[in-house]
Amino acid sequence: MASIPRLQQKYQEQVRAALQEQFAFQNSHQIPRLEKVTINMGVGSAVGDKKHLDLAYEAMTEIAGQKPVFTLSRKSISNFRLREGMPIGCMTTLRRSRMYEFMDRLISVVLPRVRDFRGVNPNAFDGRGNYSMGLLEQLVFPELNPDKFTRPQGMNITVVTSATTNEHGRELLRALGMPFREAKPKGSAA
């Protein structure tokens, strides 16, 4: 039998019970849970140099532990030398144990390595409990070799939850250990 990821075990043993008690859910299916994590890299420079896209593809393969798919442009834009159907990025969707392992690495290893990190934005929810964040640099992931991936490349990470409100989604991620930035009191200058 495969081992259960550490974050998934924490969710099953502690977080579910805490959320059910906090929000007084009647049914266990109402308790918010992680459904999937989507990682997306847009590589605009791939229009001029195909190698940039290949490097982003390799980096995402190492970060996610599975092969991404190329994203294609939907329109032709002559000013950017972009043609419809041209590969301009890559993305992957993580589910089940890979999702929990990625989230565990993101929360405990990657985010603390971000320079001048003070916490992630607690208001980056979409209204239905899903959270989106961006990283400016892929080299905060320790599995990437900085000698191989010399070009700085950012990425977008979207965490999709079964929560129906932002408050439920925020509490789920906070209970899993997501380091949200503390809200400043209104009227304070700084």
N, C-alpha and C. Protein backbone atom coordinates (compact mmCIF):
# COMPACT_ATOMS: atom_id res chain seq x y z
N MET A 1 0.84 -1.19 0.00
CA MET A 1 0.00 0.00 0.00
C MET A 1 0.88 1.25 0.00
N ALA A 2 0.54 2.22 -0.81
CA ALA A 2 1.30 3.47 -0.87
C ALA A 2 1.07 4.30 0.38
N SER A 3 2.10 5.04 0.77
CA SER A 3 1.95 5.86 1.97
C SER A 3 1.08 7.08 1.68
N ILE A 4 0.37 7.52 2.69
CA ILE A 4 -0.51 8.69 2.56
C ILE A 4 0.35 9.94 2.75
N PRO A 5 0.23 10.92 1.86
CA PRO A 5 0.99 12.18 2.04
C PRO A 5 0.69 12.82 3.38
N ARG A 6 1.71 13.49 3.92
CA ARG A 6 1.63 14.09 5.26
C ARG A 6 0.49 15.09 5.38
N LEU A 7 0.28 15.93 4.37
CA LEU A 7 -0.77 16.94 4.42
C LEU A 7 -2.16 16.31 4.35
N GLN A 8 -2.29 15.24 3.56
CA GLN A 8 -3.57 14.54 3.46
C GLN A 8 -3.93 13.89 4.79
N GLN A 9 -2.93 13.34 5.45
CA GLN A 9 -3.17 12.74 6.77
C GLN A 9 -3.59 13.81 7.77
N LYS A 10 -2.94 14.97 7.73
CA LYS A 10 -3.31 16.07 8.62
C LYS A 10 -4.75 16.49 8.36
N TYR A 11 -5.13 16.57 7.06
CA TYR A 11 -6.50 16.95 6.72
C TYR A 11 -7.50 15.95 7.30
N GLN A 12 -7.24 14.67 7.10
CA GLN A 12 -8.18 13.65 7.55
C GLN A 12 -8.28 13.56 9.06
N GLU A 13 -7.15 13.73 9.75
CA GLU A 13 -7.15 13.53 11.20
C GLU A 13 -7.50 14.78 12.01
N GLN A 14 -7.12 15.98 11.52
CA GLN A 14 -7.32 17.18 12.33
C GLN A 14 -8.22 18.22 11.67
N VAL A 15 -7.95 18.53 10.42
CA VAL A 15 -8.60 19.67 9.76
C VAL A 15 -10.09 19.43 9.56
N ARG A 16 -10.49 18.24 9.12
CA ARG A 16 -11.91 17.95 8.89
C ARG A 16 -12.73 18.17 10.16
N ALA A 17 -12.25 17.63 11.27
CA ALA A 17 -12.99 17.76 12.53
C ALA A 17 -13.04 19.22 12.98
N ALA A 18 -11.93 19.94 12.82
CA ALA A 18 -11.88 21.35 13.23
C ALA A 18 -12.84 22.19 12.40
N LEU A 19 -12.89 21.95 11.08
CA LEU A 19 -13.79 22.72 10.22
C LEU A 19 -15.25 22.38 10.50
N GLN A 20 -15.53 21.11 10.76
CA GLN A 20 -16.91 20.73 11.05
C GLN A 20 -17.38 21.38 12.36
N GLU A 21 -16.50 21.44 13.33
CA GLU A 21 -16.84 22.07 14.61
C GLU A 21 -16.98 23.59 14.45
N GLN A 22 -16.07 24.22 13.69
CA GLN A 22 -16.07 25.67 13.54
C GLN A 22 -17.31 26.17 12.81
N PHE A 23 -17.71 25.48 11.74
CA PHE A 23 -18.82 25.96 10.92
C PHE A 23 -20.12 25.18 11.17
N ALA A 24 -20.11 24.23 12.07
CA ALA A 24 -21.30 23.44 12.44
C ALA A 24 -21.98 22.81 11.22
N PHE A 25 -21.18 22.13 10.40
CA PHE A 25 -21.74 21.43 9.24
C PHE A 25 -22.54 20.22 9.71
N GLN A 26 -23.74 20.03 9.15
CA GLN A 26 -24.58 18.89 9.52
C GLN A 26 -24.13 17.61 8.81
N ASN A 27 -23.67 17.78 7.57
CA ASN A 27 -23.32 16.63 6.74
C ASN A 27 -21.81 16.65 6.51
N SER A 28 -21.18 15.48 6.54
CA SER A 28 -19.73 15.43 6.36
C SER A 28 -19.30 15.82 4.94
N HIS A 29 -20.22 15.76 3.98
CA HIS A 29 -19.90 16.16 2.60
C HIS A 29 -19.85 17.68 2.43
N GLN A 30 -20.35 18.42 3.42
CA GLN A 30 -20.30 19.88 3.37
C GLN A 30 -18.92 20.41 3.76
N ILE A 31 -18.11 19.60 4.42
CA ILE A 31 -16.80 20.04 4.89
C ILE A 31 -15.92 20.32 3.68
N PRO A 32 -15.33 21.52 3.58
CA PRO A 32 -14.50 21.84 2.42
C PRO A 32 -13.27 20.92 2.34
N ARG A 33 -12.86 20.61 1.11
CA ARG A 33 -11.68 19.80 0.87
C ARG A 33 -10.98 20.31 -0.39
N LEU A 34 -9.72 19.94 -0.55
CA LEU A 34 -9.01 20.29 -1.77
C LEU A 34 -9.49 19.37 -2.88
N GLU A 35 -9.74 19.93 -4.06
CA GLU A 35 -10.15 19.11 -5.19
C GLU A 35 -9.04 18.97 -6.22
N LYS A 36 -8.37 20.09 -6.56
CA LYS A 36 -7.26 20.00 -7.50
C LYS A 36 -6.41 21.25 -7.38
N VAL A 37 -5.19 21.15 -7.89
CA VAL A 37 -4.27 22.28 -7.96
C VAL A 37 -3.81 22.38 -9.41
N THR A 38 -3.96 23.56 -10.00
CA THR A 38 -3.55 23.79 -11.38
C THR A 38 -2.35 24.72 -11.38
N ILE A 39 -1.30 24.32 -12.10
CA ILE A 39 -0.09 25.12 -12.23
C ILE A 39 0.02 25.54 -13.69
N ASN A 40 0.23 26.83 -13.93
CA ASN A 40 0.27 27.35 -15.29
C ASN A 40 1.48 28.25 -15.46
N MET A 41 2.23 28.03 -16.54
CA MET A 41 3.35 28.90 -16.89
C MET A 41 3.09 29.49 -18.26
N GLY A 42 2.97 30.79 -18.35
CA GLY A 42 2.87 31.45 -19.64
C GLY A 42 4.26 31.89 -20.06
N VAL A 43 4.70 31.46 -21.23
CA VAL A 43 6.05 31.76 -21.70
C VAL A 43 5.93 32.63 -22.95
N GLY A 44 5.81 33.93 -22.74
CA GLY A 44 5.63 34.84 -23.87
C GLY A 44 6.83 34.87 -24.79
N SER A 45 8.03 34.64 -24.24
CA SER A 45 9.24 34.67 -25.06
C SER A 45 9.36 33.45 -25.96
N ALA A 46 8.44 32.48 -25.82
CA ALA A 46 8.48 31.28 -26.67
C ALA A 46 8.18 31.62 -28.12
N VAL A 47 7.57 32.77 -28.37
CA VAL A 47 7.29 33.20 -29.74
C VAL A 47 8.61 33.38 -30.49
N GLY A 48 9.61 33.96 -29.82
CA GLY A 48 10.89 34.22 -30.45
C GLY A 48 11.87 33.07 -30.33
N ASP A 49 11.81 32.32 -29.22
CA ASP A 49 12.78 31.26 -28.98
C ASP A 49 12.08 30.04 -28.38
N LYS A 50 12.00 28.97 -29.15
CA LYS A 50 11.29 27.75 -28.73
C LYS A 50 11.96 27.09 -27.52
N LYS A 51 13.27 27.34 -27.32
CA LYS A 51 13.99 26.72 -26.21
C LYS A 51 13.45 27.19 -24.85
N HIS A 52 12.94 28.42 -24.79
CA HIS A 52 12.38 28.92 -23.53
C HIS A 52 11.19 28.08 -23.10
N LEU A 53 10.36 27.69 -24.05
CA LEU A 53 9.19 26.87 -23.74
C LEU A 53 9.62 25.47 -23.31
N ASP A 54 10.65 24.92 -23.97
CA ASP A 54 11.15 23.60 -23.60
C ASP A 54 11.70 23.59 -22.18
N LEU A 55 12.41 24.66 -21.80
CA LEU A 55 12.94 24.76 -20.44
C LEU A 55 11.80 24.87 -19.41
N ALA A 56 10.78 25.65 -19.74
CA ALA A 56 9.63 25.78 -18.83
C ALA A 56 8.93 24.43 -18.69
N TYR A 57 8.82 23.68 -19.79
CA TYR A 57 8.19 22.35 -19.77
C TYR A 57 8.97 21.41 -18.85
N GLU A 58 10.30 21.42 -18.98
CA GLU A 58 11.13 20.56 -18.12
C GLU A 58 11.02 20.97 -16.66
N ALA A 59 11.02 22.28 -16.40
CA ALA A 59 10.92 22.76 -15.02
C ALA A 59 9.58 22.34 -14.41
N MET A 60 8.49 22.50 -15.16
CA MET A 60 7.19 22.12 -14.62
C MET A 60 7.09 20.62 -14.40
N THR A 61 7.72 19.82 -15.26
CA THR A 61 7.73 18.36 -15.08
C THR A 61 8.40 18.01 -13.75
N GLU A 62 9.52 18.67 -13.44
CA GLU A 62 10.21 18.40 -12.17
C GLU A 62 9.42 18.91 -10.98
N ILE A 63 8.78 20.07 -11.11
CA ILE A 63 8.02 20.64 -9.99
C ILE A 63 6.78 19.81 -9.68
N ALA A 64 6.03 19.45 -10.72
CA ALA A 64 4.74 18.78 -10.52
C ALA A 64 4.86 17.27 -10.38
N GLY A 65 5.92 16.68 -10.94
CA GLY A 65 6.04 15.23 -10.89
C GLY A 65 5.20 14.54 -11.95
N GLN A 66 4.70 15.28 -12.90
CA GLN A 66 3.95 14.71 -14.02
C GLN A 66 4.12 15.63 -15.22
N LYS A 67 3.86 15.08 -16.40
CA LYS A 67 4.09 15.86 -17.62
C LYS A 67 2.98 16.88 -17.82
N PRO A 68 3.35 18.13 -18.12
CA PRO A 68 2.34 19.15 -18.42
C PRO A 68 1.88 19.07 -19.87
N VAL A 69 0.89 19.85 -20.20
CA VAL A 69 0.44 19.98 -21.59
C VAL A 69 0.78 21.39 -22.06
N PHE A 70 1.02 21.53 -23.36
CA PHE A 70 1.29 22.85 -23.91
C PHE A 70 -0.02 23.61 -24.07
N THR A 71 0.00 24.89 -23.76
CA THR A 71 -1.16 25.74 -24.02
C THR A 71 -0.91 26.49 -25.32
N LEU A 72 -1.94 26.59 -26.12
CA LEU A 72 -1.82 27.19 -27.44
C LEU A 72 -2.52 28.55 -27.48
N SER A 73 -2.00 29.44 -28.30
CA SER A 73 -2.62 30.76 -28.42
C SER A 73 -3.96 30.63 -29.14
N ARG A 74 -4.92 31.43 -28.72
CA ARG A 74 -6.26 31.37 -29.30
C ARG A 74 -6.43 32.35 -30.45
N LYS A 75 -5.59 33.39 -30.48
CA LYS A 75 -5.72 34.43 -31.50
C LYS A 75 -4.37 34.68 -32.14
N SER A 76 -4.42 35.26 -33.31
CA SER A 76 -3.20 35.77 -33.95
C SER A 76 -3.10 37.26 -33.63
N ILE A 77 -1.91 37.68 -33.17
CA ILE A 77 -1.67 39.09 -32.89
C ILE A 77 -0.37 39.47 -33.59
N SER A 78 -0.48 40.23 -34.66
CA SER A 78 0.68 40.51 -35.50
C SER A 78 1.75 41.33 -34.78
N ASN A 79 1.37 42.24 -33.90
CA ASN A 79 2.37 43.05 -33.19
C ASN A 79 3.28 42.20 -32.32
N PHE A 80 2.79 41.07 -31.83
CA PHE A 80 3.59 40.19 -30.98
C PHE A 80 4.16 39.02 -31.78
N ARG A 81 4.00 39.01 -33.08
CA ARG A 81 4.41 37.91 -33.96
C ARG A 81 3.81 36.59 -33.47
N LEU A 82 2.58 36.64 -33.07
CA LEU A 82 1.89 35.48 -32.51
C LEU A 82 0.87 34.96 -33.51
N ARG A 83 0.87 33.68 -33.74
CA ARG A 83 -0.09 33.05 -34.65
C ARG A 83 -1.03 32.16 -33.84
N GLU A 84 -2.24 32.02 -34.30
CA GLU A 84 -3.22 31.16 -33.66
C GLU A 84 -2.71 29.72 -33.66
N GLY A 85 -2.82 29.04 -32.51
CA GLY A 85 -2.39 27.65 -32.39
C GLY A 85 -0.93 27.48 -32.05
N MET A 86 -0.21 28.58 -31.84
CA MET A 86 1.21 28.52 -31.50
C MET A 86 1.37 28.19 -30.00
N PRO A 87 2.26 27.26 -29.62
CA PRO A 87 2.45 26.97 -28.19
C PRO A 87 3.09 28.15 -27.47
N ILE A 88 2.45 28.63 -26.41
CA ILE A 88 2.97 29.80 -25.67
C ILE A 88 3.02 29.58 -24.16
N GLY A 89 2.86 28.34 -23.71
CA GLY A 89 2.93 28.06 -22.29
C GLY A 89 2.67 26.60 -22.02
N CYS A 90 2.66 26.26 -20.73
CA CYS A 90 2.33 24.89 -20.35
C CYS A 90 1.59 24.91 -19.02
N MET A 91 0.81 23.88 -18.78
CA MET A 91 0.03 23.79 -17.53
C MET A 91 -0.19 22.33 -17.17
N THR A 92 -0.44 22.11 -15.90
CA THR A 92 -0.76 20.77 -15.44
C THR A 92 -1.74 20.86 -14.28
N THR A 93 -2.51 19.80 -14.10
CA THR A 93 -3.48 19.73 -13.02
C THR A 93 -3.12 18.56 -12.12
N LEU A 94 -2.98 18.83 -10.84
CA LEU A 94 -2.63 17.80 -9.85
C LEU A 94 -3.86 17.44 -9.06
N ARG A 95 -4.04 16.16 -8.84
CA ARG A 95 -5.15 15.66 -8.03
C ARG A 95 -4.64 14.61 -7.05
N ARG A 96 -5.47 14.25 -6.08
CA ARG A 96 -5.20 13.21 -5.10
C ARG A 96 -3.84 13.36 -4.42
N SER A 97 -3.04 12.30 -4.35
CA SER A 97 -1.81 12.33 -3.54
C SER A 97 -0.77 13.30 -4.09
N ARG A 98 -0.67 13.43 -5.42
CA ARG A 98 0.29 14.40 -5.98
C ARG A 98 -0.08 15.83 -5.58
N MET A 99 -1.38 16.10 -5.53
CA MET A 99 -1.85 17.43 -5.13
C MET A 99 -1.43 17.71 -3.68
N TYR A 100 -1.65 16.75 -2.79
CA TYR A 100 -1.30 16.95 -1.38
C TYR A 100 0.21 17.09 -1.20
N GLU A 101 0.99 16.29 -1.94
CA GLU A 101 2.45 16.39 -1.84
C GLU A 101 2.93 17.75 -2.34
N PHE A 102 2.35 18.25 -3.44
CA PHE A 102 2.73 19.56 -3.96
C PHE A 102 2.37 20.66 -2.96
N MET A 103 1.17 20.62 -2.41
CA MET A 103 0.74 21.64 -1.45
C MET A 103 1.62 21.62 -0.21
N ASP A 104 2.02 20.43 0.24
CA ASP A 104 2.90 20.32 1.40
C ASP A 104 4.24 20.98 1.11
N ARG A 105 4.81 20.71 -0.08
CA ARG A 105 6.08 21.34 -0.46
C ARG A 105 5.92 22.85 -0.61
N LEU A 106 4.81 23.28 -1.20
CA LEU A 106 4.56 24.71 -1.40
C LEU A 106 4.50 25.44 -0.06
N ILE A 107 3.74 24.90 0.88
CA ILE A 107 3.53 25.56 2.18
C ILE A 107 4.77 25.50 3.06
N SER A 108 5.43 24.35 3.14
CA SER A 108 6.51 24.20 4.12
C SER A 108 7.90 24.51 3.58
N VAL A 109 8.12 24.43 2.26
CA VAL A 109 9.46 24.64 1.73
C VAL A 109 9.54 25.84 0.80
N VAL A 110 8.63 25.92 -0.17
CA VAL A 110 8.76 26.91 -1.24
C VAL A 110 8.45 28.33 -0.76
N LEU A 111 7.29 28.55 -0.15
CA LEU A 111 6.91 29.91 0.25
C LEU A 111 7.91 30.54 1.23
N PRO A 112 8.45 29.78 2.21
CA PRO A 112 9.47 30.41 3.08
C PRO A 112 10.75 30.80 2.34
N ARG A 113 11.00 30.21 1.15
CA ARG A 113 12.21 30.55 0.39
C ARG A 113 12.02 31.78 -0.48
N VAL A 114 10.81 32.29 -0.60
CA VAL A 114 10.56 33.48 -1.41
C VAL A 114 11.19 34.69 -0.71
N ARG A 115 11.91 35.48 -1.48
CA ARG A 115 12.59 36.64 -0.91
C ARG A 115 11.57 37.67 -0.40
N ASP A 116 11.82 38.24 0.76
CA ASP A 116 10.97 39.24 1.41
C ASP A 116 9.54 38.74 1.58
N PHE A 117 9.38 37.49 1.97
CA PHE A 117 8.05 36.89 2.09
C PHE A 117 7.41 37.30 3.41
N ARG A 118 6.20 37.85 3.33
CA ARG A 118 5.47 38.26 4.53
C ARG A 118 4.11 37.58 4.62
N GLY A 119 3.90 36.59 3.79
CA GLY A 119 2.62 35.89 3.78
C GLY A 119 1.92 36.10 2.44
N VAL A 120 1.02 35.19 2.11
CA VAL A 120 0.27 35.31 0.87
C VAL A 120 -0.98 36.15 1.10
N ASN A 121 -1.50 36.73 0.04
CA ASN A 121 -2.65 37.61 0.12
C ASN A 121 -3.90 36.83 0.57
N PRO A 122 -4.52 37.21 1.68
CA PRO A 122 -5.70 36.46 2.14
C PRO A 122 -6.97 36.79 1.34
N ASN A 123 -6.90 37.74 0.41
CA ASN A 123 -8.09 38.14 -0.34
C ASN A 123 -8.09 37.66 -1.79
N ALA A 124 -7.19 36.75 -2.16
CA ALA A 124 -7.08 36.31 -3.55
C ALA A 124 -8.01 35.14 -3.85
N PHE A 125 -9.22 35.20 -3.32
CA PHE A 125 -10.22 34.15 -3.57
C PHE A 125 -11.17 34.63 -4.65
N ASP A 126 -11.83 33.70 -5.32
CA ASP A 126 -12.67 34.05 -6.47
C ASP A 126 -14.15 34.20 -6.13
N GLY A 127 -14.53 34.07 -4.88
CA GLY A 127 -15.94 34.19 -4.50
C GLY A 127 -16.59 32.84 -4.26
N ARG A 128 -15.92 31.77 -4.69
CA ARG A 128 -16.45 30.41 -4.49
C ARG A 128 -15.48 29.52 -3.73
N GLY A 129 -14.52 30.13 -3.04
CA GLY A 129 -13.61 29.36 -2.19
C GLY A 129 -12.36 28.87 -2.88
N ASN A 130 -12.11 29.28 -4.13
CA ASN A 130 -10.89 28.86 -4.84
C ASN A 130 -9.84 29.95 -4.71
N TYR A 131 -8.58 29.54 -4.54
CA TYR A 131 -7.50 30.48 -4.27
C TYR A 131 -6.50 30.49 -5.42
N SER A 132 -6.06 31.67 -5.83
CA SER A 132 -5.05 31.81 -6.88
C SER A 132 -3.90 32.65 -6.37
N MET A 133 -2.70 32.25 -6.75
CA MET A 133 -1.50 33.00 -6.37
C MET A 133 -0.48 32.90 -7.49
N GLY A 134 0.46 33.79 -7.50
CA GLY A 134 1.51 33.77 -8.51
C GLY A 134 2.87 33.76 -7.85
N LEU A 135 3.81 33.09 -8.49
CA LEU A 135 5.20 33.11 -8.07
C LEU A 135 6.01 33.76 -9.18
N LEU A 136 6.89 34.68 -8.84
CA LEU A 136 7.68 35.37 -9.85
C LEU A 136 8.89 34.55 -10.29
N GLU A 137 9.31 33.61 -9.49
CA GLU A 137 10.54 32.88 -9.76
C GLU A 137 10.32 31.40 -9.52
N GLN A 138 10.70 30.56 -10.49
CA GLN A 138 10.52 29.12 -10.35
C GLN A 138 11.63 28.49 -9.50
N LEU A 139 12.74 29.18 -9.33
CA LEU A 139 13.88 28.59 -8.62
C LEU A 139 13.67 28.50 -7.12
N VAL A 140 12.55 28.96 -6.59
CA VAL A 140 12.26 28.76 -5.17
C VAL A 140 11.93 27.29 -4.90
N PHE A 141 11.66 26.51 -5.95
CA PHE A 141 11.45 25.07 -5.78
C PHE A 141 12.81 24.40 -5.68
N PRO A 142 13.09 23.70 -4.59
CA PRO A 142 14.44 23.14 -4.38
C PRO A 142 14.80 22.03 -5.37
N GLU A 143 13.83 21.42 -6.03
CA GLU A 143 14.14 20.33 -6.95
C GLU A 143 14.73 20.80 -8.27
N LEU A 144 14.69 22.11 -8.53
CA LEU A 144 15.24 22.65 -9.78
C LEU A 144 16.72 23.00 -9.61
N ASN A 145 17.51 22.63 -10.61
CA ASN A 145 18.94 22.94 -10.62
C ASN A 145 19.12 24.36 -11.16
N PRO A 146 19.67 25.29 -10.36
CA PRO A 146 19.80 26.67 -10.82
C PRO A 146 20.77 26.83 -11.99
N ASP A 147 21.68 25.86 -12.20
CA ASP A 147 22.61 25.94 -13.33
C ASP A 147 21.90 25.63 -14.64
N LYS A 148 20.88 24.77 -14.59
CA LYS A 148 20.15 24.38 -15.80
C LYS A 148 19.08 25.42 -16.15
N PHE A 149 18.34 25.89 -15.14
CA PHE A 149 17.23 26.83 -15.36
C PHE A 149 17.68 28.24 -14.98
N THR A 150 18.39 28.88 -15.91
CA THR A 150 18.96 30.20 -15.61
C THR A 150 17.97 31.33 -15.87
N ARG A 151 17.00 31.12 -16.79
CA ARG A 151 16.02 32.15 -17.11
C ARG A 151 14.97 32.25 -16.02
N PRO A 152 14.71 33.43 -15.46
CA PRO A 152 13.62 33.53 -14.47
C PRO A 152 12.27 33.32 -15.15
N GLN A 153 11.46 32.49 -14.56
CA GLN A 153 10.15 32.16 -15.13
C GLN A 153 9.15 32.08 -13.99
N GLY A 154 8.05 32.79 -14.11
CA GLY A 154 7.02 32.77 -13.08
C GLY A 154 5.95 31.74 -13.38
N MET A 155 5.01 31.62 -12.47
CA MET A 155 3.91 30.67 -12.66
C MET A 155 2.71 31.10 -11.84
N ASN A 156 1.55 30.63 -12.27
CA ASN A 156 0.30 30.85 -11.53
C ASN A 156 -0.12 29.53 -10.93
N ILE A 157 -0.55 29.56 -9.68
CA ILE A 157 -1.02 28.36 -8.98
C ILE A 157 -2.44 28.62 -8.52
N THR A 158 -3.36 27.74 -8.91
CA THR A 158 -4.76 27.87 -8.50
C THR A 158 -5.13 26.64 -7.68
N VAL A 159 -5.64 26.87 -6.48
CA VAL A 159 -6.07 25.80 -5.60
C VAL A 159 -7.59 25.77 -5.63
N VAL A 160 -8.16 24.69 -6.16
CA VAL A 160 -9.61 24.56 -6.27
C VAL A 160 -10.10 23.74 -5.08
N THR A 161 -11.06 24.29 -4.34
CA THR A 161 -11.61 23.61 -3.17
C THR A 161 -13.09 23.34 -3.40
N SER A 162 -13.65 22.51 -2.54
CA SER A 162 -15.09 22.24 -2.62
C SER A 162 -15.88 23.25 -1.78
N ALA A 163 -15.19 24.24 -1.21
CA ALA A 163 -15.85 25.25 -0.39
C ALA A 163 -16.79 26.08 -1.24
N THR A 164 -17.87 26.55 -0.63
CA THR A 164 -18.84 27.36 -1.36
C THR A 164 -18.65 28.85 -1.13
N THR A 165 -17.92 29.22 -0.08
CA THR A 165 -17.67 30.63 0.20
C THR A 165 -16.17 30.86 0.40
N ASN A 166 -15.77 32.12 0.26
CA ASN A 166 -14.36 32.47 0.47
C ASN A 166 -13.93 32.18 1.90
N GLU A 167 -14.82 32.43 2.86
CA GLU A 167 -14.48 32.22 4.27
C GLU A 167 -14.17 30.75 4.54
N HIS A 168 -14.98 29.85 3.99
CA HIS A 168 -14.73 28.41 4.18
C HIS A 168 -13.42 28.00 3.51
N GLY A 169 -13.17 28.49 2.30
CA GLY A 169 -11.93 28.17 1.60
C GLY A 169 -10.71 28.70 2.33
N ARG A 170 -10.82 29.94 2.86
CA ARG A 170 -9.71 30.54 3.58
C ARG A 170 -9.39 29.75 4.85
N GLU A 171 -10.43 29.34 5.57
CA GLU A 171 -10.20 28.57 6.80
C GLU A 171 -9.61 27.19 6.50
N LEU A 172 -10.04 26.58 5.40
CA LEU A 172 -9.46 25.29 5.00
C LEU A 172 -7.97 25.44 4.74
N LEU A 173 -7.58 26.43 3.93
CA LEU A 173 -6.17 26.62 3.62
C LEU A 173 -5.38 27.05 4.86
N ARG A 174 -5.98 27.88 5.71
CA ARG A 174 -5.29 28.28 6.93
C ARG A 174 -5.04 27.07 7.84
N ALA A 175 -6.02 26.18 7.94
CA ALA A 175 -5.86 24.99 8.76
C ALA A 175 -4.81 24.04 8.19
N LEU A 176 -4.66 24.05 6.86
CA LEU A 176 -3.63 23.21 6.24
C LEU A 176 -2.24 23.82 6.37
N GLY A 177 -2.16 25.08 6.81
CA GLY A 177 -0.86 25.71 7.06
C GLY A 177 -0.48 26.80 6.10
N MET A 178 -1.39 27.24 5.24
CA MET A 178 -1.08 28.32 4.28
C MET A 178 -0.77 29.59 5.06
N PRO A 179 0.40 30.20 4.84
CA PRO A 179 0.79 31.38 5.63
C PRO A 179 0.18 32.67 5.07
N PHE A 180 -1.03 32.98 5.50
CA PHE A 180 -1.69 34.19 5.03
C PHE A 180 -1.10 35.41 5.73
N ARG A 181 -1.01 36.51 4.99
CA ARG A 181 -0.54 37.78 5.53
C ARG A 181 -1.59 38.29 6.51
N GLU A 182 -1.11 38.88 7.59
CA GLU A 182 -2.04 39.45 8.57
C GLU A 182 -2.66 40.72 7.99
N ALA A 183 -3.94 40.89 8.18
CA ALA A 183 -4.63 42.08 7.68
C ALA A 183 -4.22 43.28 8.54
N LYS A 184 -3.92 44.39 7.87
CA LYS A 184 -3.57 45.61 8.61
C LYS A 184 -4.83 46.24 9.14
N PRO A 185 -4.80 46.74 10.38
CA PRO A 185 -5.97 47.45 10.89
C PRO A 185 -6.20 48.72 10.09
N LYS A 186 -7.45 49.04 9.84
CA LYS A 186 -7.78 50.24 9.04
C LYS A 186 -7.32 51.49 9.77
N GLY A 187 -6.76 52.41 8.98
CA GLY A 187 -6.32 53.67 9.55
C GLY A 187 -4.87 53.67 9.94
N SER A 188 -4.21 52.52 9.94
CA SER A 188 -2.77 52.51 10.30
C SER A 188 -1.95 52.81 9.07
N ALA A 189 -0.97 53.65 9.24
CA ALA A 189 -0.09 54.02 8.12
C ALA A 189 1.16 53.16 8.18
N ALA A 190 1.41 52.38 7.10
CA ALA A 190 2.64 51.59 6.99
C ALA A 190 2.52 50.63 5.88
